[in-house]
Amino acid sequence: MYTFKYMGYSAPVVAIHKILEKSVVKSADAIVTVTETIGRELQEIRGSGVHIITNGFDNADFLSETVPLDENFTITYTGLFVRTQNPAELWNVLAERVNNNKVFAKDLKIRLIGHTDSAILEDIERNGLGKNLEQLNYLPHTEVIKWQRSAQILLLSGGMEPESKGILTGKFFEYLAARRPILGFGPKGGDMDIALSECGAGEMFDYNNKAAVAKWIDSRYEEYKGKGIPPVSGKIEKYSRRELTCAMAAVLDEITEKKMI
């Protein structure tokens, strides 16, 4: 994990961790990890026998009644929103459109559900978007899913560090299942960026790419004012827990068969 560098261990302790890691990875009957990036790192140690089984979503959570879309041009974020994941350029893009377009100013709603760092809230206020902001505290999971499904756009903020390329957050899979377009921020070429593209579920942007974010927002707003922003129609079933459980069962069968020979 990229967060290991923040643990403050001395060089000898780090060396011991590396030795133990190598021993476990090489001696295991099989290795299962959650992203392609981490899988490649483990393959460098082991060579083969590394399986990628990501986290995913439970279809049963999304089988309730149809949820109508918000009437507003709503950009929704759910969960913990920390200051190191603040999409500052997004607030700037939205502020420019609010200031120059009275209709956009009336349509826009930024909905944040869960705990949001004060630095992010201050940035939103500083950009003059306070009137467009709606904050909700932590809610039951079933209610959060309804808010996700009703959003025009879902906001996803990943880590800014290059090492975060190998992270696929649990929120990402829920967003996929909600089938609303995802506006993501994080490293290009990372696992989340690739998965978004493969599923046709949205787009990932570098935190500083204001021009590209502005173009994307303008395109979605044009759809919203026209026939409406269409739902995500890409293939996401491989991330359902049913499919992922089948993949895990196959790994266990493979190990069992080898033990029986």
Protein backbone atom coordinates (compact mmCIF):
# COMPACT_ATOMS: atom_id res chain seq x y z
CA MET A 1 0.00 0.00 0.00
CA TYR A 2 1.19 3.50 -0.84
CA THR A 3 0.20 4.63 2.68
CA PHE A 4 3.04 2.50 4.09
CA LYS A 5 5.43 5.40 3.47
CA TYR A 6 3.52 7.48 6.01
CA MET A 7 4.00 4.98 8.85
CA GLY A 8 7.35 6.45 9.86
CA TYR A 9 9.15 3.12 10.23
CA SER A 10 12.94 3.04 10.40
CA ALA A 11 14.95 1.48 7.55
CA PRO A 12 15.60 -1.79 9.47
CA VAL A 13 11.88 -2.20 10.23
CA VAL A 14 10.97 -1.55 6.59
CA ALA A 15 13.52 -4.19 5.53
CA ILE A 16 11.95 -6.74 7.88
CA HIS A 17 8.49 -5.98 6.49
CA LYS A 18 9.79 -6.53 2.95
CA ILE A 19 11.33 -9.88 3.89
CA LEU A 20 8.10 -11.04 5.55
CA GLU A 21 6.03 -9.84 2.59
CA LYS A 22 8.21 -11.74 0.13
CA SER A 23 8.04 -14.89 2.25
CA VAL A 24 4.24 -14.85 2.49
CA VAL A 25 3.69 -14.04 -1.18
CA LYS A 26 6.04 -16.79 -2.38
CA SER A 27 4.79 -19.51 -0.02
CA ALA A 28 1.03 -19.00 -0.48
CA ASP A 29 -0.93 -21.48 -2.61
CA ALA A 30 -2.49 -18.51 -4.39
CA ILE A 31 -2.58 -14.75 -4.05
CA VAL A 32 -5.76 -12.70 -4.43
CA THR A 33 -5.61 -8.93 -4.64
CA VAL A 34 -8.03 -6.19 -5.63
CA THR A 35 -6.43 -4.19 -8.48
CA GLU A 36 -4.29 -4.80 -11.55
CA THR A 37 -1.61 -2.41 -10.32
CA ILE A 38 -1.12 -4.25 -7.03
CA GLY A 39 -1.32 -7.55 -8.91
CA ARG A 40 1.61 -6.59 -11.12
CA GLU A 41 3.66 -5.66 -8.06
CA LEU A 42 2.96 -9.05 -6.50
CA GLN A 43 3.76 -10.87 -9.76
CA GLU A 44 7.21 -9.32 -9.69
CA ILE A 45 7.76 -11.16 -6.41
CA ARG A 46 5.93 -14.40 -7.19
CA GLY A 47 5.88 -14.76 -10.96
CA SER A 48 2.45 -16.42 -11.30
CA GLY A 49 -0.56 -17.48 -9.29
CA VAL A 50 -1.80 -13.93 -8.65
CA HIS A 51 -5.54 -13.43 -9.14
CA ILE A 52 -7.32 -10.09 -9.44
CA ILE A 53 -10.73 -10.07 -7.77
CA THR A 54 -11.91 -6.55 -7.11
CA ASN A 55 -14.45 -5.30 -4.63
CA GLY A 56 -17.90 -4.81 -6.10
CA PHE A 57 -21.57 -4.09 -5.58
CA ASP A 58 -24.56 -6.13 -4.46
CA ASN A 59 -27.32 -6.15 -7.08
CA ALA A 60 -29.91 -6.61 -4.33
CA ASP A 61 -29.14 -3.11 -3.05
CA PHE A 62 -30.32 -1.61 -6.34
CA LEU A 63 -33.49 -3.62 -7.02
CA SER A 64 -35.90 -1.34 -5.15
CA GLU A 65 -38.49 0.88 -6.79
CA THR A 66 -37.52 3.26 -9.56
CA VAL A 67 -35.90 6.41 -8.22
CA PRO A 68 -36.72 9.62 -10.13
CA LEU A 69 -33.88 11.91 -11.13
CA ASP A 70 -33.44 15.25 -9.40
CA GLU A 71 -35.02 18.16 -11.21
CA ASN A 72 -31.87 20.18 -10.51
CA PHE A 73 -28.53 19.73 -12.23
CA THR A 74 -27.26 17.85 -9.19
CA ILE A 75 -23.67 16.84 -8.56
CA THR A 76 -23.65 14.41 -5.63
CA TYR A 77 -20.81 13.14 -3.45
CA THR A 78 -21.39 10.49 -0.78
CA GLY A 79 -19.13 9.47 2.09
CA LEU A 80 -16.04 10.93 3.74
CA PHE A 81 -14.70 13.91 1.78
CA VAL A 82 -11.16 14.77 2.94
CA ARG A 83 -9.20 17.93 2.16
CA THR A 84 -6.51 16.09 0.19
CA GLN A 85 -9.21 15.10 -2.32
CA ASN A 86 -10.66 18.57 -2.87
CA PRO A 87 -11.46 19.10 -6.60
CA ALA A 88 -10.70 22.82 -6.44
CA GLU A 89 -10.84 23.33 -10.21
CA LEU A 90 -14.36 21.90 -10.30
CA TRP A 91 -15.63 24.56 -7.89
CA ASN A 92 -13.91 27.18 -10.04
CA VAL A 93 -15.54 25.86 -13.21
CA LEU A 94 -18.97 25.81 -11.58
CA ALA A 95 -18.50 29.30 -10.14
CA GLU A 96 -17.70 30.74 -13.56
CA ARG A 97 -20.91 29.30 -14.98
CA VAL A 98 -23.01 30.42 -12.01
CA ASN A 99 -21.69 33.97 -12.37
CA ASN A 100 -22.26 34.11 -16.12
CA ASN A 101 -25.49 32.17 -16.52
CA LYS A 102 -28.52 32.88 -14.31
CA VAL A 103 -30.30 29.75 -15.52
CA PHE A 104 -27.29 27.56 -14.65
CA ALA A 105 -27.12 29.27 -11.24
CA LYS A 106 -30.74 28.29 -10.62
CA ASP A 107 -30.31 24.73 -11.91
CA LEU A 108 -27.08 23.79 -10.10
CA LYS A 109 -27.11 21.87 -6.83
CA ILE A 110 -24.03 20.45 -5.11
CA ARG A 111 -25.13 17.72 -2.69
CA LEU A 112 -22.60 16.40 -0.17
CA ILE A 113 -23.70 13.44 1.96
CA GLY A 114 -21.54 12.43 4.92
CA HIS A 115 -18.64 14.24 6.57
CA THR A 116 -16.96 16.91 4.45
CA ASP A 117 -13.71 18.53 5.56
CA SER A 118 -14.06 22.19 6.48
CA ALA A 119 -11.39 23.17 3.94
CA ILE A 120 -13.59 21.86 1.11
CA LEU A 121 -16.65 23.68 2.43
CA GLU A 122 -14.64 26.90 2.71
CA ASP A 123 -13.45 26.48 -0.88
CA ILE A 124 -17.02 26.04 -2.08
CA GLU A 125 -18.12 29.16 -0.18
CA ARG A 126 -15.12 31.12 -1.42
CA ASN A 127 -16.24 30.39 -4.98
CA GLY A 128 -19.68 31.80 -4.24
CA LEU A 129 -21.44 28.45 -4.41
CA GLY A 130 -22.94 28.48 -0.93
CA LYS A 131 -26.48 28.96 -2.26
CA ASN A 132 -26.05 25.91 -4.47
CA LEU A 133 -24.77 23.67 -1.65
CA GLU A 134 -26.86 21.08 0.16
CA GLN A 135 -25.27 19.14 3.03
CA LEU A 136 -26.67 15.98 4.56
CA ASN A 137 -25.24 14.06 7.50
CA TYR A 138 -24.47 10.36 7.39
CA LEU A 139 -27.57 8.43 6.34
CA PRO A 140 -28.60 4.75 6.31
CA HIS A 141 -27.03 2.91 3.41
CA THR A 142 -30.38 2.32 1.72
CA GLU A 143 -31.06 6.07 1.67
CA VAL A 144 -27.58 6.88 0.36
CA ILE A 145 -28.16 4.54 -2.58
CA LYS A 146 -31.39 6.37 -3.43
CA TRP A 147 -29.54 9.70 -3.44
CA GLN A 148 -26.88 8.20 -5.70
CA ARG A 149 -29.49 6.94 -8.13
CA SER A 150 -31.33 10.27 -8.21
CA ALA A 151 -28.21 12.36 -8.96
CA GLN A 152 -27.61 13.81 -12.39
CA ILE A 153 -23.85 13.36 -11.86
CA LEU A 154 -21.85 11.48 -9.21
CA LEU A 155 -18.62 13.05 -7.97
CA LEU A 156 -15.68 10.76 -7.21
CA SER A 157 -12.41 12.04 -5.75
CA GLY A 158 -9.42 9.71 -5.45
CA GLY A 159 -5.92 10.30 -4.16
CA MET A 160 -3.61 12.84 -5.75
CA GLU A 161 -0.47 10.75 -5.21
CA PRO A 162 0.85 8.73 -8.19
CA GLU A 163 0.80 5.64 -5.96
CA SER A 164 -2.99 5.88 -5.67
CA LYS A 165 -3.26 4.57 -9.24
CA GLY A 166 -3.74 1.13 -7.72
CA ILE A 167 -6.78 2.02 -5.63
CA LEU A 168 -10.40 1.18 -6.46
CA THR A 169 -12.61 2.56 -3.70
CA GLY A 170 -15.78 0.84 -2.53
CA LYS A 171 -17.69 4.01 -3.44
CA PHE A 172 -16.63 3.54 -7.06
CA PHE A 173 -18.56 0.26 -7.36
CA GLU A 174 -21.69 1.68 -5.75
CA TYR A 175 -21.54 4.57 -8.19
CA LEU A 176 -21.30 2.10 -11.07
CA ALA A 177 -24.39 0.26 -9.86
CA ALA A 178 -26.31 3.54 -9.56
CA ARG A 179 -25.75 3.94 -13.33
CA ARG A 180 -25.31 7.71 -13.24
CA PRO A 181 -22.40 9.43 -15.02
CA ILE A 182 -19.29 9.67 -12.84
CA LEU A 183 -17.08 12.75 -12.71
CA GLY A 184 -13.83 11.42 -11.27
CA PHE A 185 -10.63 13.06 -10.07
CA GLY A 186 -7.38 11.16 -9.70
CA PRO A 187 -4.36 9.84 -11.61
CA LYS A 188 -4.89 9.20 -15.31
CA GLY A 189 -3.96 5.68 -16.35
CA GLY A 190 -4.79 4.28 -12.93
CA ASP A 191 -7.11 1.36 -12.21
CA MET A 192 -10.10 3.61 -11.57
CA ASP A 193 -9.53 5.56 -14.79
CA ILE A 194 -9.28 2.34 -16.81
CA ALA A 195 -12.38 0.80 -15.19
CA LEU A 196 -14.41 3.95 -15.84
CA SER A 197 -13.44 3.89 -19.50
CA GLU A 198 -14.13 0.17 -19.92
CA CYS A 199 -17.60 0.54 -18.40
CA GLY A 200 -18.41 3.77 -20.24
CA ALA A 201 -19.46 5.12 -16.86
CA GLY A 202 -17.83 8.54 -16.89
CA GLU A 203 -14.42 10.12 -17.04
CA MET A 204 -11.39 10.62 -14.79
CA PHE A 205 -9.53 13.94 -14.71
CA ASP A 206 -6.27 15.15 -13.26
CA TYR A 207 -7.02 17.56 -10.44
CA ASN A 208 -5.46 20.47 -12.36
CA ASN A 209 -7.09 19.88 -15.75
CA LYS A 210 -9.62 22.71 -15.56
CA ALA A 211 -10.23 22.99 -19.31
CA ALA A 212 -11.16 19.32 -19.70
CA VAL A 213 -13.42 19.41 -16.64
CA ALA A 214 -15.18 22.52 -17.99
CA LYS A 215 -15.80 20.83 -21.35
CA TRP A 216 -17.23 17.74 -19.64
CA ILE A 217 -19.52 19.78 -17.39
CA ASP A 218 -20.77 21.81 -20.36
CA SER A 219 -21.55 18.62 -22.29
CA ARG A 220 -23.51 17.11 -19.40
CA TYR A 221 -25.40 20.36 -18.82
CA GLU A 222 -26.34 20.50 -22.49
CA GLU A 223 -27.73 16.96 -22.19
CA TYR A 224 -29.56 17.92 -19.00
CA LYS A 225 -31.26 20.88 -20.70
CA GLY A 226 -32.07 18.76 -23.74
CA LYS A 227 -33.41 15.22 -23.52
CA GLY A 228 -31.81 14.59 -20.12
CA ILE A 229 -28.53 12.98 -19.08
CA PRO A 230 -28.83 9.30 -20.07
CA PRO A 231 -28.08 6.51 -17.59
CA VAL A 232 -24.85 4.55 -17.83
CA SER A 233 -25.49 1.62 -20.16
CA GLY A 234 -22.05 0.00 -20.15
CA LYS A 235 -21.26 -3.52 -18.96
CA ILE A 236 -20.78 -3.44 -15.19
CA GLU A 237 -21.92 -6.96 -14.24
CA LYS A 238 -18.37 -8.25 -13.85
CA TYR A 239 -18.22 -6.10 -10.71
CA SER A 240 -21.34 -7.64 -9.16
CA ARG A 241 -20.69 -9.71 -6.04
CA ARG A 242 -22.27 -12.73 -7.72
CA GLU A 243 -19.67 -12.68 -10.51
CA LEU A 244 -16.84 -11.91 -8.09
CA THR A 245 -17.88 -14.76 -5.80
CA CYS A 246 -17.78 -17.13 -8.79
CA ALA A 247 -14.24 -15.93 -9.50
CA MET A 248 -13.19 -16.57 -5.89
CA ALA A 249 -14.78 -20.02 -5.98
CA ALA A 250 -12.73 -20.83 -9.09
CA VAL A 251 -9.52 -19.89 -7.26
CA LEU A 252 -10.47 -22.12 -4.32
CA ASP A 253 -11.31 -24.99 -6.69
CA GLU A 254 -7.92 -24.62 -8.36
CA ILE A 255 -6.10 -24.76 -5.02
CA THR A 256 -8.14 -27.76 -3.87
CA GLU A 257 -7.48 -29.70 -7.08
CA LYS A 258 -3.73 -29.12 -6.76
CA LYS A 259 -3.79 -30.35 -3.16
CA MET A 260 -5.59 -33.53 -4.22
CA ILE A 261 -3.04 -34.47 -6.89
